[in-house]
Amino acid sequence: MSYDAHVMDKLRSNFELLRTVIRYSKHPDLKVDLSRIEDIIDRQMPETLQKNAPADFHVLFTNFKNEFEKFKDFILFDKLIGKNVVSLGGGFSSGKSSFLNALMNKRVLPADIDPSTSVPTYIVNGPEHQVQGINIFNTKIDLELKAIRQITHGFGKVDDQNEETLTDPVTLGHVMNSIFLTTPWHHYNHIAFLDTPGYSKADDKNHSAKTDEQIARTHLNSSQFIFWFIQADAGTITEEDITFIRTLREDIPKLIIVNKADKKPEQDLREIIAKTKKVLTTKGIAYLNVLAFSNIQPDLYDSAAIRDQLDRWNVQVYESKFARNFKTIFIRCKQFYENEIEQESRRLNRLNKSRTLTDDPAISECLDSLITEISRSIAGLKSVNHALRQLQTDFFTELKLISDLAGIAMPEPSEIELIQESLTNPLQLLRDYRQKKGFSSDDSTFHLLQNTFNDMKPVIAAQPGGSAYVDQLVGIIQSHCVIKQRDIHIQDECKASGLYAEIFNTHLSLGE
């Protein structure tokens, strides 16, 4: 079969894109040496914990490695450093990409991609259009703007001059880890948007390590803020969304957006928003607000409120979440080993007590054997727990060295111990207890409390630790000090008080 020049040009273009996307470099474009920290992750941690680990270690370790992959994104694409990442989450076809296109007033991101092939895409402000990607070989590649659509939906599709399809499209999303778009159409200097894949089926036991669900969860948990999208024609937030949101960090502010608002009359839309708020409150999901948006009419509905929220986030102090997220696996394993040691120690105490109460040689021999076995078990658990603490120190020491070279804020290894796991949600404890005991709840109690507190204005944000408190404190500091906003760290558990004193001594103005 012969092809005309038009078809040959398309085939040649597709070949060049394929060659670019699958390019492998023996020397990735990294400013730092990651070999030592990768050895800790890929060899030392599995070897140390392979004999005795928590039941959920596989999930913890997968999330840990995914977090490290995102950390590498910041090294490979340094425009992300110091920016607040606003991640867009939601089910497939919830309108995340269309929202960003409407926000930029340009159709840049493909909004009709196949749910299994979408690629996490960062968008940052810059003077010129630039597209780069990181493939599965950790090689950074330069792309054209139109390549985003080709990679995620439509690579290889060739039509002749009569618009008859000669070759069907395929996707290349599975060979790309991330895409980075720099564009002047993005107007927020200190925000990086992250368009995550629409999660597939939550908690599917058959998913692989590279499912959209796991990729989305990792990126959402590492962001500073989250936009969560639901479709107006769904009527309210779905149970699948609730299940997924509960796997996200509770301390990340979440704004719920009812998208495709133009599909519903105004009255129906307000009822959907009210119902969504009620469901979220009943389920114990913290949220900032529930707002309506339409990419067809981007200046109507709650567009102004959404942009106001983005304006506030654009000037908010950046706080990295890498250290906290990395420590999750160490906290969980430490708790596991300490609990195991405690249980085994109780067994040992009971056996020792029983040993003193018998004179029967056969029973004594059996008890001695059990005592020896449990003593060895305790010694083994203590040894692994000690090795884990050393791994934690080695990991965060290496991470600090890498971060300093790359310009990423990271606490000193000695300060990692200050990072504590967030407290368990008391409401969730009550739910679990009620379910375990088979208690039923009286909805009238909920409605009574809801009606009682309906007109009360929340003031918790103005208390120490709240967002309004932080904004006020930042304003006070800047009014008395000559200091850049990025140097102000509120609630930063990773900074020693001495460092704060040094900053204030350096920047405190000599005026009033």
Protein backbone atom coordinates (compact mmCIF):
# COMPACT_ATOMS: atom_id res chain seq x y z
CA MET A 1 0.00 0.00 0.00
CA SER A 2 1.35 3.39 -0.94
CA TYR A 3 0.67 6.60 0.97
CA ASP A 4 0.55 10.15 -0.31
CA ALA A 5 2.74 12.91 1.13
CA HIS A 6 -0.03 14.05 3.52
CA VAL A 7 -0.25 10.63 5.18
CA MET A 8 3.51 10.17 5.23
CA ASP A 9 3.93 13.47 7.09
CA LYS A 10 1.49 12.29 9.77
CA LEU A 11 3.21 8.92 10.08
CA ARG A 12 6.58 10.63 10.38
CA SER A 13 5.22 13.00 13.04
CA ASN A 14 3.79 10.08 15.04
CA PHE A 15 7.08 8.22 14.83
CA GLU A 16 9.01 11.25 16.12
CA LEU A 17 6.60 11.62 19.06
CA LEU A 18 6.86 7.92 19.91
CA ARG A 19 10.65 8.08 19.77
CA THR A 20 10.61 11.09 22.10
CA VAL A 21 8.17 9.60 24.62
CA ILE A 22 10.01 6.30 25.05
CA ARG A 23 13.48 7.85 25.15
CA TYR A 24 15.75 6.29 27.76
CA SER A 25 18.72 8.03 29.29
CA LYS A 26 21.35 6.27 31.38
CA HIS A 27 21.95 9.60 33.08
CA PRO A 28 18.58 11.14 34.01
CA ASP A 29 18.38 14.92 34.21
CA LEU A 30 18.81 15.04 37.98
CA LYS A 31 20.78 17.67 39.86
CA VAL A 32 21.50 15.26 42.69
CA ASP A 33 22.59 11.68 43.27
CA LEU A 34 19.62 9.53 44.31
CA SER A 35 21.44 6.19 44.34
CA ARG A 36 21.89 6.02 48.13
CA ILE A 37 18.32 6.95 49.03
CA GLU A 38 16.96 4.62 46.34
CA ASP A 39 19.04 1.81 47.84
CA ILE A 40 17.39 2.48 51.21
CA ILE A 41 13.94 2.35 49.61
CA ASP A 42 14.39 -0.50 47.14
CA ARG A 43 16.74 -2.81 49.07
CA GLN A 44 17.27 -1.99 52.74
CA MET A 45 13.66 -1.40 53.77
CA PRO A 46 12.26 -4.60 52.18
CA GLU A 47 15.17 -6.67 53.54
CA THR A 48 14.73 -5.29 57.06
CA LEU A 49 10.97 -5.76 57.20
CA GLN A 50 10.43 -8.84 55.03
CA LYS A 51 10.12 -11.34 57.91
CA ASN A 52 7.78 -9.42 60.17
CA ALA A 53 5.79 -6.43 58.95
CA PRO A 54 2.33 -4.91 59.45
CA ALA A 55 -0.48 -6.52 57.46
CA ASP A 56 -0.91 -3.33 55.44
CA PHE A 57 2.81 -2.91 54.75
CA HIS A 58 2.38 -3.46 51.01
CA VAL A 59 -0.06 -0.55 50.76
CA LEU A 60 2.14 1.62 53.01
CA PHE A 61 5.25 0.81 51.00
CA THR A 62 3.51 1.43 47.67
CA ASN A 63 2.30 4.83 48.88
CA PHE A 64 5.80 5.55 50.21
CA LYS A 65 7.38 4.81 46.82
CA ASN A 66 4.72 6.83 45.01
CA GLU A 67 5.46 9.76 47.34
CA PHE A 68 9.14 9.46 46.44
CA GLU A 69 8.25 9.54 42.74
CA LYS A 70 6.39 12.79 43.33
CA PHE A 71 9.38 14.14 45.28
CA LYS A 72 11.47 13.43 42.18
CA ASP A 73 8.98 15.46 40.14
CA PHE A 74 10.01 18.51 42.18
CA ILE A 75 13.67 17.79 41.50
CA LEU A 76 13.18 17.29 37.77
CA PHE A 77 10.80 20.25 37.41
CA ASP A 78 12.10 22.88 39.81
CA LYS A 79 9.37 25.37 38.90
CA LEU A 80 7.19 23.44 41.38
CA ILE A 81 9.45 24.27 44.33
CA GLY A 82 7.88 26.76 46.73
CA LYS A 83 4.48 26.69 45.05
CA ASN A 84 1.23 25.67 46.71
CA VAL A 85 -0.09 22.69 44.79
CA VAL A 86 -3.85 22.78 44.22
CA SER A 87 -4.83 19.28 43.15
CA LEU A 88 -8.01 18.55 41.25
CA GLY A 89 -9.66 15.32 42.32
CA GLY A 90 -12.86 13.49 41.49
CA GLY A 91 -14.27 10.63 39.50
CA PHE A 92 -13.65 10.14 35.81
CA SER A 93 -15.47 12.68 33.65
CA SER A 94 -16.21 14.96 36.61
CA GLY A 95 -14.91 17.93 34.62
CA LYS A 96 -11.48 18.57 36.19
CA SER A 97 -9.66 19.21 32.92
CA SER A 98 -12.55 21.27 31.55
CA PHE A 99 -12.42 23.42 34.69
CA LEU A 100 -8.74 24.24 34.13
CA ASN A 101 -9.38 24.95 30.46
CA ALA A 102 -12.18 27.35 31.44
CA LEU A 103 -10.01 28.97 34.11
CA MET A 104 -7.27 29.65 31.56
CA ASN A 105 -9.84 30.49 28.87
CA LYS A 106 -7.98 28.08 26.58
CA ARG A 107 -8.63 24.46 25.64
CA VAL A 108 -5.24 23.06 26.60
CA LEU A 109 -5.97 19.81 28.44
CA PRO A 110 -7.88 16.94 26.82
CA ALA A 111 -11.19 16.51 28.62
CA ASP A 112 -12.38 13.33 26.91
CA ILE A 113 -9.48 10.99 27.59
CA ASP A 114 -9.84 7.32 28.36
CA PRO A 115 -10.01 6.77 32.15
CA SER A 116 -7.14 4.27 32.15
CA THR A 117 -4.62 6.41 30.31
CA SER A 118 -4.74 9.88 31.83
CA VAL A 119 -1.46 11.35 33.10
CA PRO A 120 -0.98 13.61 36.17
CA THR A 121 -0.41 17.06 34.70
CA TYR A 122 1.09 20.07 36.51
CA ILE A 123 0.35 23.60 35.30
CA VAL A 124 2.44 26.57 36.44
CA ASN A 125 2.80 30.19 35.40
CA GLY A 126 5.61 31.15 33.05
CA PRO A 127 6.38 33.73 30.36
CA GLU A 128 6.37 31.16 27.54
CA HIS A 129 4.57 27.96 26.68
CA GLN A 130 6.68 24.95 27.57
CA VAL A 131 5.70 21.29 27.89
CA GLN A 132 7.91 18.67 29.48
CA GLY A 133 7.25 15.15 30.63
CA ILE A 134 8.82 12.40 32.69
CA ASN A 135 8.46 8.91 31.29
CA ILE A 136 8.61 5.59 33.11
CA PHE A 137 12.39 5.54 32.61
CA ASN A 138 12.71 8.75 34.69
CA THR A 139 13.85 10.61 31.59
CA LYS A 140 12.74 14.21 31.13
CA ILE A 141 11.55 14.96 27.62
CA ASP A 142 10.54 18.15 25.79
CA LEU A 143 7.17 18.11 24.06
CA GLU A 144 4.94 20.34 21.98
CA LEU A 145 1.66 21.63 23.39
CA LYS A 146 -0.41 19.49 21.04
CA ALA A 147 1.44 16.39 22.27
CA ILE A 148 -0.57 16.41 25.53
CA ARG A 149 -3.69 15.41 23.64
CA GLN A 150 -1.83 12.96 21.42
CA ILE A 151 -0.23 11.17 24.37
CA THR A 152 -3.40 10.81 26.39
CA HIS A 153 -5.84 10.25 23.54
CA GLY A 154 -5.24 9.91 19.87
CA PHE A 155 -1.66 8.89 19.19
CA GLY A 156 -1.23 7.11 15.89
CA LYS A 157 -4.56 8.15 14.38
CA VAL A 158 -4.03 8.92 10.71
CA ASP A 159 -6.69 10.12 8.28
CA ASP A 160 -6.23 10.50 4.57
CA GLN A 161 -7.16 13.63 2.67
CA ASN A 162 -10.74 12.37 2.43
CA GLU A 163 -10.83 12.14 6.26
CA GLU A 164 -11.10 8.37 6.17
CA THR A 165 -9.32 6.70 9.09
CA LEU A 166 -6.31 4.67 8.03
CA THR A 167 -5.02 3.79 11.52
CA ASP A 168 -6.91 3.79 14.82
CA PRO A 169 -5.66 5.83 17.78
CA VAL A 170 -3.82 4.32 20.73
CA THR A 171 -2.70 5.91 23.99
CA LEU A 172 0.76 6.49 25.42
CA GLY A 173 -0.32 7.54 28.90
CA HIS A 174 0.94 4.30 30.42
CA VAL A 175 4.56 5.20 29.58
CA MET A 176 4.37 8.68 31.12
CA ASN A 177 4.64 9.41 34.84
CA SER A 178 3.93 13.15 34.73
CA ILE A 179 3.48 16.08 32.37
CA PHE A 180 4.50 19.66 33.18
CA LEU A 181 2.95 22.63 31.42
CA THR A 182 4.32 26.15 31.82
CA THR A 183 2.05 28.79 30.33
CA PRO A 184 1.27 32.52 30.64
CA TRP A 185 -2.42 31.53 30.51
CA HIS A 186 -2.07 30.37 34.12
CA HIS A 187 -2.36 33.59 36.15
CA TYR A 188 -1.41 32.44 39.69
CA ASN A 189 2.30 32.93 40.32
CA HIS A 190 2.47 30.90 43.53
CA ILE A 191 0.04 28.08 42.67
CA ALA A 192 0.71 24.93 40.68
CA PHE A 193 -2.43 23.18 39.51
CA LEU A 194 -2.30 19.40 39.36
CA ASP A 195 -4.85 17.62 37.20
CA THR A 196 -5.01 14.08 38.62
CA PRO A 197 -6.50 11.03 36.91
CA GLY A 198 -10.12 10.34 37.72
CA TYR A 199 -10.01 7.51 40.22
CA SER A 200 -11.41 4.24 38.92
CA LYS A 201 -13.06 1.85 41.35
CA ALA A 202 -12.27 2.67 44.97
CA ASP A 203 -10.68 -0.10 47.03
CA ASP A 204 -10.61 -2.54 44.11
CA LYS A 205 -8.59 -5.49 45.41
CA ASN A 206 -7.43 -6.39 41.90
CA HIS A 207 -5.77 -3.09 41.05
CA SER A 208 -2.09 -2.88 40.21
CA ALA A 209 0.46 -0.45 41.66
CA LYS A 210 -0.14 2.00 38.80
CA THR A 211 -3.91 2.40 38.87
CA ASP A 212 -5.52 5.80 38.51
CA GLU A 213 -6.86 5.47 42.05
CA GLN A 214 -3.46 5.03 43.67
CA ILE A 215 -1.83 7.67 41.50
CA ALA A 216 -4.58 10.17 42.32
CA ARG A 217 -4.45 9.42 46.06
CA THR A 218 -0.68 9.90 46.24
CA HIS A 219 -0.78 13.24 44.44
CA LEU A 220 -3.79 14.52 46.35
CA ASN A 221 -2.23 13.66 49.72
CA SER A 222 0.94 15.55 48.82
CA SER A 223 -0.85 18.74 47.80
CA GLN A 224 -1.53 21.80 49.92
CA PHE A 225 -5.17 22.20 48.80
CA ILE A 226 -7.78 20.11 47.00
CA PHE A 227 -10.61 20.92 44.62
CA TRP A 228 -12.97 17.93 44.61
CA PHE A 229 -15.32 17.76 41.62
CA ILE A 230 -18.76 16.19 41.45
CA GLN A 231 -21.23 16.36 38.59
CA ALA A 232 -24.44 18.33 39.02
CA ASP A 233 -26.45 15.69 37.19
CA ALA A 234 -25.40 13.12 39.83
CA GLY A 235 -27.71 14.85 42.32
CA THR A 236 -25.20 14.87 45.18
CA ILE A 237 -21.80 13.53 46.13
CA THR A 238 -21.61 9.76 45.62
CA GLU A 239 -20.79 7.11 48.19
CA GLU A 240 -17.75 6.17 46.07
CA ASP A 241 -16.51 9.76 46.39
CA ILE A 242 -17.03 9.67 50.17
CA THR A 243 -15.12 6.40 50.42
CA PHE A 244 -12.21 7.82 48.43
CA ILE A 245 -12.11 11.17 50.26
CA ARG A 246 -11.84 9.32 53.57
CA THR A 247 -8.50 7.91 52.38
CA LEU A 248 -7.13 11.45 51.97
CA ARG A 249 -5.39 13.43 54.68
CA GLU A 250 -7.93 15.24 56.83
CA ASP A 251 -5.67 18.27 57.34
CA ILE A 252 -5.70 19.23 53.64
CA PRO A 253 -8.39 21.89 52.98
CA LYS A 254 -10.97 20.66 50.48
CA LEU A 255 -13.29 22.78 48.36
CA ILE A 256 -16.13 20.82 46.75
CA ILE A 257 -17.14 21.99 43.28
CA VAL A 258 -20.47 20.98 41.75
CA ASN A 259 -19.43 21.03 38.11
CA LYS A 260 -21.51 21.21 34.93
CA ALA A 261 -23.94 23.45 36.81
CA ASP A 262 -25.53 24.56 33.54
CA LYS A 263 -27.22 21.16 33.29
CA LYS A 264 -29.53 21.98 36.22
CA PRO A 265 -32.05 24.77 36.93
CA GLU A 266 -30.98 27.24 39.61
CA GLN A 267 -33.39 25.90 42.24
CA ASP A 268 -32.33 22.30 41.66
CA LEU A 269 -28.69 23.34 41.82
CA ARG A 270 -29.09 24.99 45.22
CA GLU A 271 -30.88 21.89 46.50
CA ILE A 272 -27.99 19.74 45.24
CA ILE A 273 -25.49 21.98 47.05
CA ALA A 274 -27.53 21.86 50.28
CA LYS A 275 -27.87 18.08 50.03
CA THR A 276 -24.14 17.68 49.37
CA LYS A 277 -23.30 19.78 52.44
CA LYS A 278 -25.66 17.67 54.54
CA VAL A 279 -24.13 14.40 53.30
CA LEU A 280 -20.58 15.64 53.94
CA THR A 281 -21.49 16.83 57.44
CA THR A 282 -23.29 13.59 58.26
CA LYS A 283 -20.34 11.53 57.02
CA GLY A 284 -17.87 13.60 59.03
CA ILE A 285 -16.02 14.98 55.98
CA ALA A 286 -14.43 18.39 56.61
CA TYR A 287 -14.79 20.86 53.74
CA LEU A 288 -14.36 24.58 53.12
CA ASN A 289 -17.46 25.09 51.00
CA VAL A 290 -19.58 23.60 48.23
CA LEU A 291 -19.67 25.84 45.14
CA ALA A 292 -21.15 25.56 41.65
CA PHE A 293 -19.26 25.97 38.37
CA SER A 294 -19.83 25.55 34.66
CA ASN A 295 -17.12 25.49 32.02
CA ILE A 296 -19.82 26.49 29.50
CA GLN A 297 -20.56 29.66 31.50
CA PRO A 298 -17.33 30.15 33.49
CA ASP A 299 -18.24 33.65 34.72
CA LEU A 300 -21.57 32.65 36.27
CA TYR A 301 -22.67 30.63 39.30
CA ASP A 302 -20.02 30.62 42.08
CA SER A 303 -17.09 31.43 39.81
CA ALA A 304 -16.22 34.62 41.74
CA ALA A 305 -16.09 32.74 45.07
CA ILE A 306 -13.84 30.07 43.54
CA ARG A 307 -11.46 32.69 42.16
CA ASP A 308 -11.44 34.50 45.52
CA GLN A 309 -10.38 31.25 47.20
CA LEU A 310 -7.60 30.80 44.65
CA ASP A 311 -6.45 34.38 45.28
CA ARG A 312 -6.14 33.60 49.01
CA TRP A 313 -4.25 30.38 48.37
CA ASN A 314 -1.97 32.21 45.94
CA VAL A 315 -0.60 34.36 48.77
CA GLN A 316 -0.65 31.72 51.50
CA VAL A 317 2.65 30.56 52.95
CA TYR A 318 3.90 27.33 51.36
CA GLU A 319 4.45 24.36 53.68
CA SER A 320 5.87 21.13 52.28
CA LYS A 321 4.11 17.88 53.20
CA PHE A 322 6.85 15.52 52.03
CA ALA A 323 8.38 14.91 55.48
CA ARG A 324 5.02 14.15 57.09
CA ASN A 325 3.94 11.83 54.28
CA PHE A 326 7.28 10.02 54.21
CA LYS A 327 7.12 9.43 57.94
CA THR A 328 3.73 7.69 57.77
CA ILE A 329 5.28 4.30 57.05
CA PHE A 330 7.79 4.67 59.90
CA ILE A 331 5.05 5.67 62.36
CA ARG A 332 2.83 2.77 61.33
CA CYS A 333 5.64 0.18 61.54
CA LYS A 334 6.84 1.59 64.88
CA GLN A 335 3.33 1.25 66.30
CA PHE A 336 3.11 -2.30 64.96
CA TYR A 337 6.39 -3.44 66.53
CA GLU A 338 5.70 -1.75 69.85
CA ASN A 339 2.26 -3.39 70.02
CA GLU A 340 3.72 -6.77 69.11
CA ILE A 341 6.45 -6.42 71.74
CA GLU A 342 3.86 -5.43 74.35
CA GLN A 343 1.63 -8.42 73.54
CA GLU A 344 4.53 -10.86 73.51
CA SER A 345 5.80 -9.42 76.81
CA ARG A 346 2.41 -10.01 78.42
CA ARG A 347 2.46 -13.60 77.18
CA LEU A 348 5.96 -14.03 78.56
CA ASN A 349 4.93 -12.67 81.96
CA ARG A 350 1.99 -15.07 82.14
CA LEU A 351 4.20 -18.01 81.19
CA ASN A 352 6.84 -17.06 83.77
CA LYS A 353 4.14 -16.83 86.43
CA SER A 354 2.76 -20.20 85.41
CA ARG A 355 6.25 -21.66 85.52
CA THR A 356 6.58 -20.76 89.21
CA LEU A 357 3.27 -22.46 90.05
CA THR A 358 4.04 -25.95 88.77
CA ASP A 359 6.36 -28.74 89.89
CA ASP A 360 5.42 -31.13 87.10
CA PRO A 361 8.60 -31.78 85.02
CA ALA A 362 6.68 -32.33 81.77
CA ILE A 363 4.70 -29.11 82.12
CA SER A 364 7.83 -27.22 83.20
CA GLU A 365 9.70 -28.42 80.12
CA CYS A 366 6.85 -27.30 77.85
CA LEU A 367 6.66 -23.90 79.55
CA ASP A 368 10.44 -23.45 79.34
CA SER A 369 10.27 -24.13 75.61
CA LEU A 370 7.51 -21.55 75.12
CA ILE A 371 9.37 -19.01 77.27
CA THR A 372 12.50 -19.44 75.16
CA GLU A 373 10.51 -19.12 71.93
CA ILE A 374 8.71 -15.95 73.01
CA SER A 375 11.92 -14.42 74.38
CA ARG A 376 13.54 -14.94 70.98
CA SER A 377 10.48 -13.43 69.30
CA ILE A 378 10.69 -10.32 71.51
CA ALA A 379 14.40 -9.98 70.85
CA GLY A 380 13.76 -10.26 67.11
CA LEU A 381 11.02 -7.64 67.20
CA LYS A 382 13.22 -5.27 69.18
CA SER A 383 16.05 -5.81 66.72
CA VAL A 384 13.84 -5.00 63.72
CA ASN A 385 12.37 -1.98 65.51
CA HIS A 386 15.89 -0.69 66.24
CA ALA A 387 16.92 -1.28 62.61
CA LEU A 388 13.81 0.57 61.46
CA ARG A 389 14.71 3.61 63.56
CA GLN A 390 18.19 3.58 62.03
CA LEU A 391 16.66 3.34 58.55
CA GLN A 392 14.47 6.33 59.38
CA THR A 393 17.51 8.35 60.44
CA ASP A 394 19.49 7.31 57.35
CA PHE A 395 16.57 8.02 55.03
CA PHE A 396 15.82 11.50 56.37
CA THR A 397 19.52 12.39 56.55
CA GLU A 398 19.90 11.55 52.87
CA LEU A 399 16.60 13.25 52.06
CA LYS A 400 17.78 16.43 53.78
CA LEU A 401 21.02 16.46 51.77
CA ILE A 402 19.11 16.00 48.51
CA SER A 403 16.52 18.63 49.43
CA ASP A 404 19.17 21.22 50.30
CA LEU A 405 20.86 20.71 46.93
CA ALA A 406 17.54 20.92 45.08
CA GLY A 407 16.23 23.88 47.10
CA ILE A 408 13.31 21.99 48.65
CA ALA A 409 12.41 22.85 52.27
CA MET A 410 12.95 19.83 54.52
CA PRO A 411 13.35 19.48 58.31
CA GLU A 412 16.55 18.35 59.95
CA PRO A 413 16.62 14.59 60.70
CA SER A 414 16.65 15.37 64.43
CA GLU A 415 13.40 17.32 64.02
CA ILE A 416 11.57 14.47 62.27
CA GLU A 417 10.59 13.10 65.68
CA LEU A 418 8.49 16.23 66.19
CA ILE A 419 6.19 15.14 63.38
CA GLN A 420 3.34 13.18 64.90
CA GLU A 421 0.62 11.24 63.18
CA SER A 422 -2.66 13.10 63.15
CA LEU A 423 -5.07 12.15 65.90
CA THR A 424 -7.81 9.68 65.11
CA ASN A 425 -11.12 11.31 64.22
CA PRO A 426 -13.34 10.93 67.35
CA LEU A 427 -16.44 10.80 65.15
CA GLN A 428 -14.99 7.85 63.25
CA LEU A 429 -14.24 6.07 66.55
CA LEU A 430 -17.88 6.50 67.58
CA ARG A 431 -19.08 5.20 64.21
CA ASP A 432 -16.83 2.14 64.45
CA TYR A 433 -17.99 1.46 68.01
CA ARG A 434 -21.65 1.83 67.03
CA GLN A 435 -21.20 -0.56 64.11
CA LYS A 436 -19.31 -3.09 66.24
CA LYS A 437 -22.02 -3.07 68.93
CA GLY A 438 -24.89 -3.00 66.45
CA PHE A 439 -26.34 0.24 67.82
CA SER A 440 -28.80 2.18 65.67
CA SER A 441 -28.89 5.98 65.58
CA ASP A 442 -31.82 8.33 65.91
CA ASP A 443 -31.89 10.78 62.98
CA SER A 444 -34.02 13.19 65.00
CA THR A 445 -31.02 13.90 67.25
CA PHE A 446 -28.93 14.93 64.26
CA HIS A 447 -31.68 17.21 62.92
CA LEU A 448 -32.15 18.75 66.37
CA LEU A 449 -28.44 19.60 66.62
CA GLN A 450 -28.37 20.83 63.03
CA ASN A 451 -31.31 23.18 63.58
CA THR A 452 -29.85 24.41 66.88
CA PHE A 453 -26.48 25.39 65.41
CA ASN A 454 -27.70 26.32 61.92
CA ASP A 455 -27.43 30.10 62.36
CA MET A 456 -24.20 30.08 64.34
CA LYS A 457 -21.11 31.43 62.61
CA PRO A 458 -18.06 29.16 63.02
CA VAL A 459 -15.15 30.91 64.72
CA ILE A 460 -12.78 27.96 64.99
CA ALA A 461 -10.71 29.28 62.07
CA ALA A 462 -9.91 32.38 64.11
CA GLN A 463 -8.52 30.32 66.98
CA PRO A 464 -4.78 29.48 67.19
CA GLY A 465 -4.08 27.02 64.39
CA GLY A 466 -6.96 28.14 62.17
CA SER A 467 -6.63 29.64 58.69
CA ALA A 468 -8.05 33.04 59.71
CA TYR A 469 -5.65 33.10 62.67
CA VAL A 470 -2.73 32.36 60.34
CA ASP A 471 -3.75 35.14 57.93
CA GLN A 472 -4.03 37.64 60.79
CA LEU A 473 -0.68 36.61 62.27
CA VAL A 474 1.07 36.89 58.91
CA GLY A 475 -0.38 40.39 58.53
CA ILE A 476 0.92 41.43 61.95
CA ILE A 477 4.40 40.08 61.23
CA GLN A 478 4.61 41.81 57.85
CA SER A 479 3.40 45.11 59.31
CA HIS A 480 6.30 45.15 61.80
CA CYS A 481 9.05 43.35 59.90
CA VAL A 482 10.78 43.76 56.57
CA ILE A 483 10.33 40.15 55.60
CA LYS A 484 9.29 38.19 52.55
CA GLN A 485 6.18 36.09 52.89
CA ARG A 486 8.00 32.90 51.99
CA ASP A 487 10.17 33.33 55.11
CA ILE A 488 7.13 33.20 57.40
CA HIS A 489 6.37 29.68 58.62
CA ILE A 490 3.23 29.39 60.72
CA GLN A 491 2.63 26.09 62.57
CA ASP A 492 5.86 24.77 61.10
CA GLU A 493 6.78 21.89 63.39
CA CYS A 494 9.91 21.35 61.34
CA LYS A 495 11.54 24.61 62.38
CA ALA A 496 13.36 24.98 65.65
CA SER A 497 12.62 28.08 67.69
CA GLY A 498 16.22 29.19 67.27
CA LEU A 499 15.74 29.46 63.52
CA TYR A 500 12.69 31.66 64.06
CA ALA A 501 14.72 33.92 66.32
CA GLU A 502 17.42 34.19 63.68
CA ILE A 503 14.87 35.15 61.02
CA PHE A 504 13.32 37.83 63.22
CA ASN A 505 16.70 39.26 64.23
CA THR A 506 17.64 39.48 60.56
CA HIS A 507 14.45 41.02 59.25
CA LEU A 508 13.04 43.05 62.13
CA SER A 509 12.81 46.64 60.98
CA LEU A 510 14.34 49.43 63.00
CA GLY A 511 11.26 51.57 62.54
CA GLU A 512 8.10 51.56 64.58
